[in-house]
Amino acid sequence: MTLPAGTSIRHLGHAGFVVEHAGLRILIDPWFHPAFLDAWFPYPDNRELLPEVVAGRYDYLYVSHTHEDHFDERLLAQLSRETTVLVPRFRTGEPGRRLAALGFGEQVRLGHREQYRLGPDCTATMLLDTSHKEDSGLLLDLGGYRFLDLNDCNTPMSELPCDVDLLAAQYSGAMWYPNAYDYPPATMAAKTAAVRADLLDTLVRKVRLTGAAAYLPSAGPACFLDPELARFNDRERTIFPHWEDVAERFAAACPQTEVIRTAPGDRVDAPAPPGRWHDDPDGYLADYRERRRTEWEAHHREPAEPVTAAEVEAHFERLQRLNRPLLADYRAGLRLEADGTAWGLALGELAEHVELEDEPVDPSYVIRVPARALRAVLDGRTGWEEALLSMRLSLHRDPDVFDLTLLSLLRYGHRPAQTRQLVRERARAETIERDGLRLQRYCPHAGEDLSHAVIADGLVECPRHHWKWDAATGACLAGGALPLLVEPAEPPKDAHPPRPEGRTTS
């Protein structure tokens, strides 16, 4: 791989980079401290780079979104406030608002596909996930060399840039499904294999659409140092594989794309040979766990004040008041269990009041949450999405169907601009024609542009999360329960025009 003279791209681990070009220095998504209730840690360990990163001088800082493995507030609080921040312009105003609270007053806010000149021959183009989700990627043009950092962002595939020299993007999972659910072993194995295959398929599509000459595996996986979570380090039975677990299949799908495997601190044009984390992962994790013991133990040292029914009721009543449009015509049961105490909640129907019952009728979801984690949610120190990502919670659902409304209420309800956008997405009527079908253009799940859907064998498959619909009826067959608007693009040639009402033929 050849970079322009005076240009370097250094990987800090996970989704972090320091990019230098023509005297400019750009810091991207630096993550060093544990995230999500002290559950996630960077893998491999990058802590030795922390003093250098804190002491560095940067012209620009870019933080892609507010997930804690990208928005490391403890690290950001140590950086110079004179740095200009490139901020994705999300509907909620985040992360710009949080960065301003930290003292970063110089901000350049960029919308989807908006470009900003960083220097004489260096530009940055912001790329957003244009659905209700808030994530972003950044395309840097460095004297003609195009570095696309997508981290774990899903910009619509129809809007990805092309002629990319280096793509950094996620290949490993960053979600609680399915491994946080209580599936039987055989079901779990099948679901895990399907998610892993879908993740790789999505990556392959991104590589092909961008024409990436080189690919750098990034944005995961994290590792879990708390012994209570050690099972999620299993590379075969979870959605958190290491690159070596998928490299062969990627090479077969993208034989022309160079893969650059880096460790924290490596320059992408001169990566060092793999270290102990690669050759002895179990021994490496054991030592890593001991080195960072005080950090993963911090969660267990948090005071665990008992949670009351009144607090649970007040929390969900507030979520409902903030998200009335989302909950129109909705009603579902949710059961919360926390260290021996259970609450039944009847949600929906625009209720001003949450019905708190001993046992809700047919709860569609059961969430088992440690009392300490529930206390953090109720106190506003973390959100439901962060708590779920911690893998400290476990879930059960019956029927085994994704409830987009309930999960959106939990994940985004504290920022209702996102749930309002979800409601708008559901109402969008724009259609496209593909393979003899007229179908709605945007996926009802996460807003992906279905211009790149796979249509074969009587199915329509979303290229982003791989939901599947019956091409004849629009019924959802895999992924969730939301139907797809689909019909023949034109009537069959032998079809007769409808008879006018009130007339007969002779």
Protein backbone atom coordinates (compact mmCIF):
# COMPACT_ATOMS: atom_id res chain seq x y z
CA MET A 1 0.00 0.00 0.00
CA THR A 2 1.42 3.38 -1.01
CA LEU A 3 0.35 6.58 0.72
CA PRO A 4 1.12 10.06 -0.61
CA ALA A 5 4.34 11.65 0.63
CA GLY A 6 3.80 13.28 4.00
CA THR A 7 0.75 11.15 4.78
CA SER A 8 0.35 8.52 7.46
CA ILE A 9 -2.62 6.65 8.94
CA ARG A 10 -2.03 5.09 12.33
CA HIS A 11 -4.50 2.68 13.89
CA LEU A 12 -5.16 3.24 17.61
CA GLY A 13 -7.22 0.08 17.97
CA HIS A 14 -10.95 -0.55 17.53
CA ALA A 15 -12.22 2.40 15.39
CA GLY A 16 -9.50 4.86 16.43
CA PHE A 17 -7.02 6.51 14.06
CA VAL A 18 -4.54 9.36 13.87
CA VAL A 19 -4.30 10.66 10.30
CA GLU A 20 -1.49 13.02 9.27
CA HIS A 21 -1.31 14.80 5.94
CA ALA A 22 0.59 17.88 4.79
CA GLY A 23 1.11 19.09 8.35
CA LEU A 24 -2.48 18.41 9.48
CA ARG A 25 -3.31 15.92 12.25
CA ILE A 26 -6.79 14.40 12.61
CA LEU A 27 -7.82 12.28 15.60
CA ILE A 28 -10.67 9.81 14.99
CA ASP A 29 -12.78 7.89 17.54
CA PRO A 30 -10.10 7.34 20.21
CA TRP A 31 -11.29 4.69 22.71
CA PHE A 32 -9.27 3.61 25.75
CA HIS A 33 -11.57 3.27 28.79
CA PRO A 34 -14.14 0.55 29.51
CA ALA A 35 -17.57 1.10 27.99
CA PHE A 36 -21.15 0.02 28.64
CA LEU A 37 -21.26 -0.50 32.41
CA ASP A 38 -17.53 -1.32 32.43
CA ALA A 39 -18.16 -4.39 30.27
CA TRP A 40 -16.40 -3.67 26.95
CA PHE A 41 -12.65 -3.21 26.62
CA PRO A 42 -10.61 -2.51 23.47
CA TYR A 43 -9.06 -5.63 21.96
CA PRO A 44 -6.11 -5.87 21.80
CA ASP A 45 -5.24 -3.64 24.76
CA ASN A 46 -4.22 -0.15 23.58
CA ARG A 47 -3.68 1.47 26.99
CA GLU A 48 0.05 2.03 26.37
CA LEU A 49 -0.89 4.56 23.67
CA LEU A 50 -3.03 6.68 26.01
CA PRO A 51 -0.35 9.12 27.28
CA GLU A 52 0.84 9.78 23.74
CA VAL A 53 -2.68 10.40 22.45
CA VAL A 54 -3.54 12.73 25.34
CA ALA A 55 -0.35 14.72 24.85
CA GLY A 56 -0.76 14.98 21.09
CA ARG A 57 -1.63 18.12 19.11
CA TYR A 58 -4.50 17.78 16.68
CA ASP A 59 -6.00 20.16 14.18
CA TYR A 60 -9.25 18.20 14.01
CA LEU A 61 -11.13 15.70 16.12
CA TYR A 62 -13.88 13.49 14.70
CA VAL A 63 -16.20 11.43 16.90
CA SER A 64 -18.58 9.38 14.79
CA HIS A 65 -21.42 8.92 17.32
CA THR A 66 -22.16 8.68 21.03
CA HIS A 67 -21.70 4.97 21.69
CA GLU A 68 -19.11 4.72 24.43
CA ASP A 69 -16.66 2.67 22.36
CA HIS A 70 -16.42 5.76 20.13
CA PHE A 71 -17.33 8.61 22.47
CA ASP A 72 -14.80 7.99 25.27
CA GLU A 73 -15.70 10.88 27.56
CA ARG A 74 -12.85 10.25 30.00
CA LEU A 75 -10.35 10.47 27.14
CA LEU A 76 -12.03 13.44 25.45
CA ALA A 77 -11.95 15.40 28.72
CA GLN A 78 -8.14 15.24 28.62
CA LEU A 79 -7.69 16.65 25.10
CA SER A 80 -6.97 20.26 24.17
CA ARG A 81 -10.17 22.26 23.78
CA GLU A 82 -8.52 24.28 21.00
CA THR A 83 -9.04 21.37 18.62
CA THR A 84 -11.74 21.87 15.99
CA VAL A 85 -14.32 19.09 16.04
CA LEU A 86 -15.98 17.64 12.94
CA VAL A 87 -19.49 16.87 14.17
CA PRO A 88 -22.15 14.81 12.37
CA ARG A 89 -25.35 16.84 12.24
CA PHE A 90 -27.86 14.48 13.80
CA ARG A 91 -31.50 15.31 14.54
CA THR A 92 -30.92 15.11 18.28
CA GLY A 93 -28.00 17.55 18.25
CA GLU A 94 -25.69 14.87 19.62
CA PRO A 95 -22.71 14.45 19.89
CA GLY A 96 -22.13 18.18 19.36
CA ARG A 97 -24.04 19.08 22.51
CA ARG A 98 -21.98 16.74 24.66
CA LEU A 99 -18.73 17.92 23.11
CA ALA A 100 -19.72 21.54 23.78
CA ALA A 101 -20.38 20.62 27.42
CA LEU A 102 -16.82 19.31 27.57
CA GLY A 103 -15.53 22.66 26.31
CA PHE A 104 -15.06 21.98 22.59
CA GLY A 105 -16.40 25.26 21.24
CA GLU A 106 -14.93 25.11 17.74
CA GLN A 107 -17.26 22.78 15.87
CA VAL A 108 -17.88 22.18 12.18
CA ARG A 109 -21.28 20.52 11.87
CA LEU A 110 -21.76 18.55 8.68
CA GLY A 111 -24.85 16.88 7.26
CA HIS A 112 -25.01 13.84 5.04
CA ARG A 113 -22.51 14.06 2.16
CA GLU A 114 -21.46 17.60 3.10
CA GLN A 115 -17.81 18.35 2.44
CA TYR A 116 -15.38 20.51 4.38
CA ARG A 117 -11.90 21.58 3.30
CA LEU A 118 -9.37 20.79 6.03
CA GLY A 119 -6.35 22.07 4.10
CA PRO A 120 -5.14 22.93 0.58
CA ASP A 121 -5.45 19.35 -0.72
CA CYS A 122 -7.36 17.66 2.08
CA THR A 123 -11.15 17.40 2.41
CA ALA A 124 -13.55 15.61 4.71
CA THR A 125 -16.98 14.37 3.60
CA MET A 126 -19.51 13.37 6.25
CA LEU A 127 -21.63 10.28 5.63
CA LEU A 128 -24.63 9.58 7.85
CA ASP A 129 -26.84 6.65 8.57
CA THR A 130 -29.91 8.41 7.19
CA SER A 131 -32.40 6.26 9.10
CA HIS A 132 -33.60 6.89 12.67
CA LYS A 133 -30.27 5.54 13.91
CA GLU A 134 -27.52 8.07 14.60
CA ASP A 135 -24.14 7.01 13.30
CA SER A 136 -21.69 8.46 10.82
CA GLY A 137 -18.65 7.72 8.72
CA LEU A 138 -16.01 10.02 7.26
CA LEU A 139 -14.36 10.09 3.85
CA LEU A 140 -10.97 11.79 3.89
CA ASP A 141 -9.42 12.81 0.57
CA LEU A 142 -5.71 13.16 1.34
CA GLY A 143 -4.09 14.59 -1.76
CA GLY A 144 -6.09 12.20 -3.93
CA TYR A 145 -5.80 9.22 -1.57
CA ARG A 146 -9.30 8.30 -0.36
CA PHE A 147 -9.63 6.87 3.16
CA LEU A 148 -13.18 5.88 4.07
CA ASP A 149 -13.76 5.25 7.77
CA LEU A 150 -17.20 3.68 8.13
CA ASN A 151 -16.55 2.22 11.61
CA ASP A 152 -19.94 0.57 12.34
CA CYS A 153 -22.01 3.06 10.34
CA ASN A 154 -24.50 1.87 7.74
CA THR A 155 -24.76 4.67 5.23
CA PRO A 156 -27.32 3.61 2.60
CA MET A 157 -25.56 1.40 0.10
CA SER A 158 -26.87 3.47 -2.78
CA GLU A 159 -25.00 6.48 -1.36
CA LEU A 160 -21.59 5.01 -0.57
CA PRO A 161 -18.64 6.71 -2.29
CA CYS A 162 -16.57 4.81 -4.85
CA ASP A 163 -12.91 4.66 -5.86
CA VAL A 164 -11.85 4.19 -2.23
CA ASP A 165 -8.21 3.39 -1.56
CA LEU A 166 -8.62 2.22 2.04
CA LEU A 167 -11.84 1.18 3.79
CA ALA A 168 -12.04 0.75 7.55
CA ALA A 169 -15.29 -0.92 8.57
CA GLN A 170 -16.87 -3.33 10.99
CA TYR A 171 -16.86 -7.07 10.37
CA SER A 172 -17.65 -8.36 13.87
CA GLY A 173 -20.88 -7.93 15.81
CA ALA A 174 -21.73 -5.05 18.12
CA MET A 175 -25.20 -6.06 19.28
CA TRP A 176 -26.79 -8.11 22.05
CA TYR A 177 -28.81 -10.25 19.63
CA PRO A 178 -28.78 -13.22 19.72
CA ASN A 179 -26.23 -13.96 22.45
CA ALA A 180 -28.04 -12.12 25.24
CA TYR A 181 -31.23 -14.14 24.63
CA ASP A 182 -32.03 -17.40 26.42
CA TYR A 183 -32.20 -19.60 23.34
CA PRO A 184 -31.57 -23.35 23.59
CA PRO A 185 -28.04 -24.29 22.41
CA ALA A 186 -29.04 -25.52 18.96
CA THR A 187 -31.20 -22.45 18.29
CA MET A 188 -28.46 -20.13 19.55
CA ALA A 189 -25.88 -21.79 17.31
CA ALA A 190 -28.09 -21.40 14.24
CA LYS A 191 -28.94 -17.77 14.97
CA THR A 192 -25.33 -16.88 15.75
CA ALA A 193 -24.12 -18.46 12.50
CA ALA A 194 -26.77 -16.54 10.55
CA VAL A 195 -25.80 -13.18 12.09
CA ARG A 196 -22.11 -13.79 11.43
CA ALA A 197 -22.83 -14.70 7.81
CA ASP A 198 -24.98 -11.60 7.40
CA LEU A 199 -22.27 -9.35 8.88
CA LEU A 200 -19.72 -10.69 6.42
CA ASP A 201 -22.16 -10.37 3.51
CA THR A 202 -22.80 -6.72 4.41
CA LEU A 203 -19.08 -6.04 4.57
CA VAL A 204 -18.47 -7.69 1.20
CA ARG A 205 -21.18 -5.52 -0.35
CA LYS A 206 -19.57 -2.37 1.08
CA VAL A 207 -16.15 -3.39 -0.24
CA ARG A 208 -17.52 -4.04 -3.71
CA LEU A 209 -19.66 -0.91 -3.87
CA THR A 210 -16.82 1.35 -2.73
CA GLY A 211 -14.28 -0.40 -4.95
CA ALA A 212 -11.94 -0.51 -1.94
CA ALA A 213 -8.41 -1.41 -2.96
CA ALA A 214 -7.55 -2.23 0.65
CA TYR A 215 -9.58 -3.11 3.73
CA LEU A 216 -8.66 -2.63 7.39
CA PRO A 217 -10.72 -4.70 9.88
CA SER A 218 -11.86 -2.31 12.61
CA ALA A 219 -14.61 -1.32 15.06
CA GLY A 220 -14.46 -4.63 16.86
CA PRO A 221 -14.59 -6.99 18.41
CA ALA A 222 -14.33 -5.72 21.94
CA CYS A 223 -13.45 -8.13 24.74
CA PHE A 224 -15.09 -8.80 28.10
CA LEU A 225 -12.73 -8.83 31.08
CA ASP A 226 -15.31 -9.22 33.84
CA PRO A 227 -15.37 -12.99 34.63
CA GLU A 228 -19.18 -12.82 34.73
CA LEU A 229 -19.10 -11.99 31.00
CA ALA A 230 -16.17 -14.18 29.92
CA ARG A 231 -18.44 -16.46 27.87
CA PHE A 232 -18.88 -13.67 25.34
CA ASN A 233 -15.19 -13.95 24.42
CA ASP A 234 -15.96 -17.29 22.75
CA ARG A 235 -14.99 -16.65 19.15
CA GLU A 236 -16.95 -19.61 17.76
CA ARG A 237 -20.25 -19.36 19.65
CA THR A 238 -20.87 -15.61 19.60
CA ILE A 239 -21.26 -12.84 17.03
CA PHE A 240 -17.83 -11.49 18.10
CA PRO A 241 -15.35 -13.34 15.86
CA HIS A 242 -11.78 -12.20 15.33
CA TRP A 243 -10.57 -11.42 11.85
CA GLU A 244 -8.78 -14.75 11.56
CA ASP A 245 -12.14 -16.49 11.92
CA VAL A 246 -13.59 -14.85 8.80
CA ALA A 247 -10.48 -14.00 6.75
CA GLU A 248 -10.67 -17.01 4.45
CA ARG A 249 -14.28 -16.36 3.46
CA PHE A 250 -13.56 -12.68 2.90
CA ALA A 251 -10.60 -13.51 0.66
CA ALA A 252 -12.78 -15.80 -1.43
CA ALA A 253 -15.43 -13.09 -1.84
CA CYS A 254 -13.03 -10.16 -2.41
CA PRO A 255 -9.85 -11.64 -3.89
CA GLN A 256 -8.65 -8.31 -5.33
CA THR A 257 -8.85 -6.44 -2.02
CA GLU A 258 -5.71 -6.22 0.10
CA VAL A 259 -6.32 -6.83 3.81
CA ILE A 260 -4.24 -4.81 6.27
CA ARG A 261 -4.18 -6.43 9.70
CA THR A 262 -3.03 -4.02 12.38
CA ALA A 263 -2.50 -3.91 16.13
CA PRO A 264 -2.87 -0.72 18.19
CA GLY A 265 -0.10 1.70 17.28
CA ASP A 266 0.60 0.26 13.81
CA ARG A 267 0.81 2.45 10.74
CA VAL A 268 -1.34 0.99 8.00
CA ASP A 269 1.49 1.10 5.45
CA ALA A 270 3.87 -0.78 7.78
CA PRO A 271 1.93 -3.06 10.18
CA ALA A 272 3.98 -5.04 12.70
CA PRO A 273 3.74 -8.86 12.91
CA PRO A 274 0.88 -10.11 15.12
CA GLY A 275 1.67 -10.31 18.83
CA ARG A 276 0.63 -12.53 21.71
CA TRP A 277 -3.04 -11.50 21.39
CA HIS A 278 -2.99 -13.38 18.09
CA ASP A 279 -0.82 -16.37 19.01
CA ASP A 280 -2.07 -17.01 22.58
CA PRO A 281 -5.48 -15.36 22.92
CA ASP A 282 -6.48 -17.18 26.13
CA GLY A 283 -3.24 -16.36 27.93
CA TYR A 284 -3.34 -12.82 26.61
CA LEU A 285 -6.89 -12.30 27.90
CA ALA A 286 -5.97 -13.68 31.34
CA ASP A 287 -3.12 -11.19 31.69
CA TYR A 288 -5.23 -8.34 30.27
CA ARG A 289 -7.97 -9.12 32.83
CA GLU A 290 -5.48 -8.86 35.67
CA ARG A 291 -3.88 -5.64 34.37
CA ARG A 292 -7.24 -3.90 34.20
CA ARG A 293 -8.83 -5.50 37.28
CA THR A 294 -9.62 -2.23 39.05
CA GLU A 295 -11.55 -1.04 35.97
CA TRP A 296 -13.83 -4.03 35.42
CA GLU A 297 -14.37 -4.37 39.15
CA ALA A 298 -15.58 -0.75 39.28
CA HIS A 299 -19.05 -1.80 38.15
CA HIS A 300 -19.41 -4.15 41.11
CA ARG A 301 -18.30 -1.46 43.54
CA GLU A 302 -21.12 0.88 42.48
CA PRO A 303 -23.73 1.33 45.24
CA ALA A 304 -26.80 -0.79 44.56
CA GLU A 305 -29.64 1.15 46.16
CA PRO A 306 -32.88 -0.87 45.94
CA VAL A 307 -35.21 -0.07 43.07
CA THR A 308 -38.84 0.65 43.87
CA ALA A 309 -41.97 -0.02 41.85
CA ALA A 310 -42.72 3.71 41.87
CA GLU A 311 -39.38 4.45 40.19
CA VAL A 312 -39.98 1.83 37.50
CA GLU A 313 -43.48 3.15 36.87
CA ALA A 314 -42.30 6.76 36.68
CA HIS A 315 -39.49 5.84 34.27
CA PHE A 316 -41.78 4.14 31.78
CA GLU A 317 -44.49 6.77 32.09
CA ARG A 318 -41.93 9.38 31.09
CA LEU A 319 -40.80 7.29 28.10
CA GLN A 320 -44.41 6.98 26.98
CA ARG A 321 -45.13 10.70 27.31
CA LEU A 322 -42.06 11.50 25.20
CA ASN A 323 -42.92 9.00 22.49
CA ARG A 324 -46.67 9.17 21.91
CA PRO A 325 -46.48 9.01 18.07
CA LEU A 326 -44.39 5.85 18.26
CA LEU A 327 -46.90 4.13 20.53
CA ALA A 328 -50.06 4.87 18.55
CA ASP A 329 -52.12 1.68 18.14
CA TYR A 330 -49.52 -0.24 20.16
CA ARG A 331 -49.98 -2.37 23.22
CA ALA A 332 -47.61 -4.98 24.62
CA GLY A 333 -46.58 -6.56 27.87
CA LEU A 334 -43.07 -6.26 29.29
CA ARG A 335 -41.75 -8.05 32.36
CA LEU A 336 -38.69 -6.71 34.17
CA GLU A 337 -36.84 -8.97 36.57
CA ALA A 338 -34.09 -7.63 38.82
CA ASP A 339 -32.40 -9.83 41.42
CA GLY A 340 -35.54 -11.58 42.62
CA THR A 341 -38.01 -8.72 42.13
CA ALA A 342 -40.32 -8.57 39.10
CA TRP A 343 -42.49 -5.87 37.59
CA GLY A 344 -45.13 -6.39 34.93
CA LEU A 345 -45.73 -3.45 32.62
CA ALA A 346 -48.52 -2.94 30.12
CA LEU A 347 -47.24 -0.44 27.57
CA GLY A 348 -48.80 1.44 24.70
CA GLU A 349 -52.11 2.91 23.61
CA LEU A 350 -50.67 6.36 24.34
CA ALA A 351 -51.21 5.62 28.03
CA GLU A 352 -50.57 8.52 30.35
CA HIS A 353 -50.25 5.82 32.95
CA VAL A 354 -48.16 2.67 32.79
CA GLU A 355 -50.10 -0.25 34.19
CA LEU A 356 -47.91 -1.96 36.75
CA GLU A 357 -49.16 -5.50 37.28
CA ASP A 358 -47.97 -8.54 39.17
CA GLU A 359 -47.98 -10.48 35.92
CA PRO A 360 -48.88 -8.76 32.64
CA VAL A 361 -51.00 -10.72 30.23
CA ASP A 362 -48.72 -12.51 27.76
CA PRO A 363 -45.58 -10.37 28.10
CA SER A 364 -43.93 -10.31 24.70
CA TYR A 365 -40.53 -9.57 26.23
CA VAL A 366 -38.89 -10.49 29.51
CA ILE A 367 -35.76 -8.53 30.44
CA ARG A 368 -33.64 -9.80 33.30
CA VAL A 369 -31.48 -6.95 34.51
CA PRO A 370 -29.11 -6.87 37.49
CA ALA A 371 -30.35 -4.38 40.09
CA ARG A 372 -27.11 -2.39 39.81
CA ALA A 373 -27.60 -1.95 36.06
CA LEU A 374 -31.28 -1.07 36.50
CA ARG A 375 -30.31 1.54 39.07
CA ALA A 376 -27.90 3.09 36.56
CA VAL A 377 -30.69 3.30 33.96
CA LEU A 378 -33.24 4.79 36.34
CA ASP A 379 -30.72 7.35 37.61
CA GLY A 380 -29.90 8.41 34.04
CA ARG A 381 -26.25 7.37 34.27
CA THR A 382 -26.74 5.04 31.32
CA GLY A 383 -29.47 4.20 28.82
CA TRP A 384 -31.24 0.97 27.94
CA GLU A 385 -29.22 0.60 24.75
CA GLU A 386 -25.94 0.89 26.65
CA ALA A 387 -27.20 -1.53 29.29
CA LEU A 388 -28.19 -4.04 26.62
CA LEU A 389 -24.86 -3.67 24.86
CA SER A 390 -23.09 -4.44 28.14
CA MET A 391 -24.36 -8.04 27.83
CA ARG A 392 -25.12 -7.87 31.55
CA LEU A 393 -28.84 -8.22 30.74
CA SER A 394 -30.56 -11.32 29.43
CA LEU A 395 -33.76 -11.44 27.39
CA HIS A 396 -36.59 -13.75 26.47
CA ARG A 397 -39.30 -13.15 23.90
CA ASP A 398 -42.38 -15.14 22.99
CA PRO A 399 -43.19 -15.21 20.16
CA ASP A 400 -39.59 -15.03 18.97
CA VAL A 401 -40.24 -11.95 16.82
CA PHE A 402 -38.36 -8.66 16.94
CA ASP A 403 -40.59 -5.92 18.38
CA LEU A 404 -39.29 -2.78 16.69
CA THR A 405 -41.59 -0.47 18.64
CA LEU A 406 -40.64 -1.76 22.08
CA LEU A 407 -36.92 -1.89 21.36
CA SER A 408 -37.02 1.57 19.81
CA LEU A 409 -38.81 2.90 22.90
CA LEU A 410 -36.03 1.50 25.07
CA ARG A 411 -33.10 2.40 22.82
CA TYR A 412 -34.13 5.86 21.61
CA GLY A 413 -37.02 6.92 23.81
CA HIS A 414 -34.93 9.36 25.84
CA ARG A 415 -34.22 11.20 22.55
CA PRO A 416 -37.62 11.23 20.85
CA ALA A 417 -36.30 12.93 17.72
CA GLN A 418 -35.17 9.44 16.74
CA THR A 419 -38.52 7.76 17.37
CA ARG A 420 -40.33 10.52 15.47
CA GLN A 421 -38.06 9.80 12.52
CA LEU A 422 -38.89 6.11 12.82
CA VAL A 423 -42.59 6.96 12.58
CA ARG A 424 -41.87 9.06 9.46
CA GLU A 425 -39.95 6.17 7.94
CA ARG A 426 -42.91 3.86 8.41
CA ALA A 427 -45.13 6.34 6.56
CA ARG A 428 -42.82 6.89 3.59
CA ALA A 429 -44.58 6.00 0.34
CA GLU A 430 -41.69 6.22 -2.17
CA THR A 431 -41.45 3.11 -4.33
CA ILE A 432 -38.98 1.62 -6.79
CA GLU A 433 -39.28 -1.01 -9.50
CA ARG A 434 -37.00 -4.04 -9.39
CA ASP A 435 -37.19 -7.39 -11.14
CA GLY A 436 -40.83 -7.00 -12.15
CA LEU A 437 -41.89 -5.73 -8.72
CA ARG A 438 -42.92 -2.38 -7.37
CA LEU A 439 -41.82 -2.18 -3.74
CA GLN A 440 -41.32 0.46 -1.10
CA ARG A 441 -37.87 1.96 -1.43
CA TYR A 442 -36.82 1.97 2.21
CA CYS A 443 -36.70 -1.00 4.55
CA PRO A 444 -39.37 -0.72 7.29
CA HIS A 445 -36.84 -1.90 9.88
CA ALA A 446 -33.88 0.47 9.61
CA GLY A 447 -34.46 2.54 6.49
CA GLU A 448 -31.94 0.88 4.17
CA ASP A 449 -32.41 1.73 0.50
CA LEU A 450 -33.84 -1.42 -1.08
CA SER A 451 -32.42 -0.47 -4.47
CA HIS A 452 -29.70 -2.95 -3.50
CA ALA A 453 -32.08 -5.61 -2.15
CA VAL A 454 -31.56 -9.19 -3.26
CA ILE A 455 -34.66 -10.45 -5.07
CA ALA A 456 -34.57 -14.18 -5.79
CA ASP A 457 -36.53 -17.38 -5.21
CA GLY A 458 -39.68 -15.48 -4.35
CA LEU A 459 -37.99 -13.43 -1.59
CA VAL A 460 -36.92 -9.84 -1.11
CA GLU A 461 -33.89 -9.55 1.20
CA CYS A 462 -32.62 -6.31 2.73
CA PRO A 463 -28.84 -5.95 2.23
CA ARG A 464 -28.31 -4.32 5.64
CA HIS A 465 -29.83 -6.55 8.33
CA HIS A 466 -31.04 -9.27 5.95
CA TRP A 467 -34.72 -9.23 6.80
CA LYS A 468 -36.68 -11.26 4.23
CA TRP A 469 -40.17 -10.80 2.77
CA ASP A 470 -42.42 -12.85 0.55
CA ALA A 471 -42.15 -11.16 -2.85
CA ALA A 472 -45.81 -11.95 -3.62
CA THR A 473 -47.47 -10.86 -0.38
CA GLY A 474 -44.92 -8.67 1.42
CA ALA A 475 -45.23 -10.80 4.56
CA CYS A 476 -42.07 -10.72 6.70
CA LEU A 477 -40.55 -14.20 6.81
CA ALA A 478 -37.30 -13.52 8.69
CA GLY A 479 -35.99 -10.78 10.94
CA GLY A 480 -39.15 -9.31 12.38
CA ALA A 481 -42.85 -8.86 11.74
CA LEU A 482 -43.12 -5.64 9.70
CA PRO A 483 -44.60 -6.19 6.23
CA LEU A 484 -43.19 -4.78 3.02
CA LEU A 485 -45.27 -2.97 0.43
CA VAL A 486 -44.77 -4.99 -2.74
CA GLU A 487 -46.85 -5.66 -5.85
CA PRO A 488 -46.30 -6.55 -9.52
CA ALA A 489 -44.78 -3.64 -11.41
CA GLU A 490 -47.43 -3.96 -14.11
CA PRO A 491 -50.51 -6.12 -14.51
CA PRO A 492 -50.16 -9.38 -16.40
CA LYS A 493 -50.71 -9.00 -20.14
CA ASP A 494 -53.80 -11.23 -20.14
CA ALA A 495 -55.48 -9.26 -17.34
CA HIS A 496 -58.79 -7.58 -18.21
CA PRO A 497 -59.45 -3.99 -17.15
CA PRO A 498 -61.89 -3.65 -14.24
CA ARG A 499 -65.53 -3.11 -15.09
CA PRO A 500 -66.92 0.36 -14.32
CA GLU A 501 -69.14 0.28 -11.26
CA GLY A 502 -72.89 0.32 -11.94
CA ARG A 503 -72.65 -0.99 -15.52
CA THR A 504 -73.25 -4.34 -17.12
CA THR A 505 -72.01 -5.76 -20.36
CA SER A 506 -74.29 -7.11 -23.09
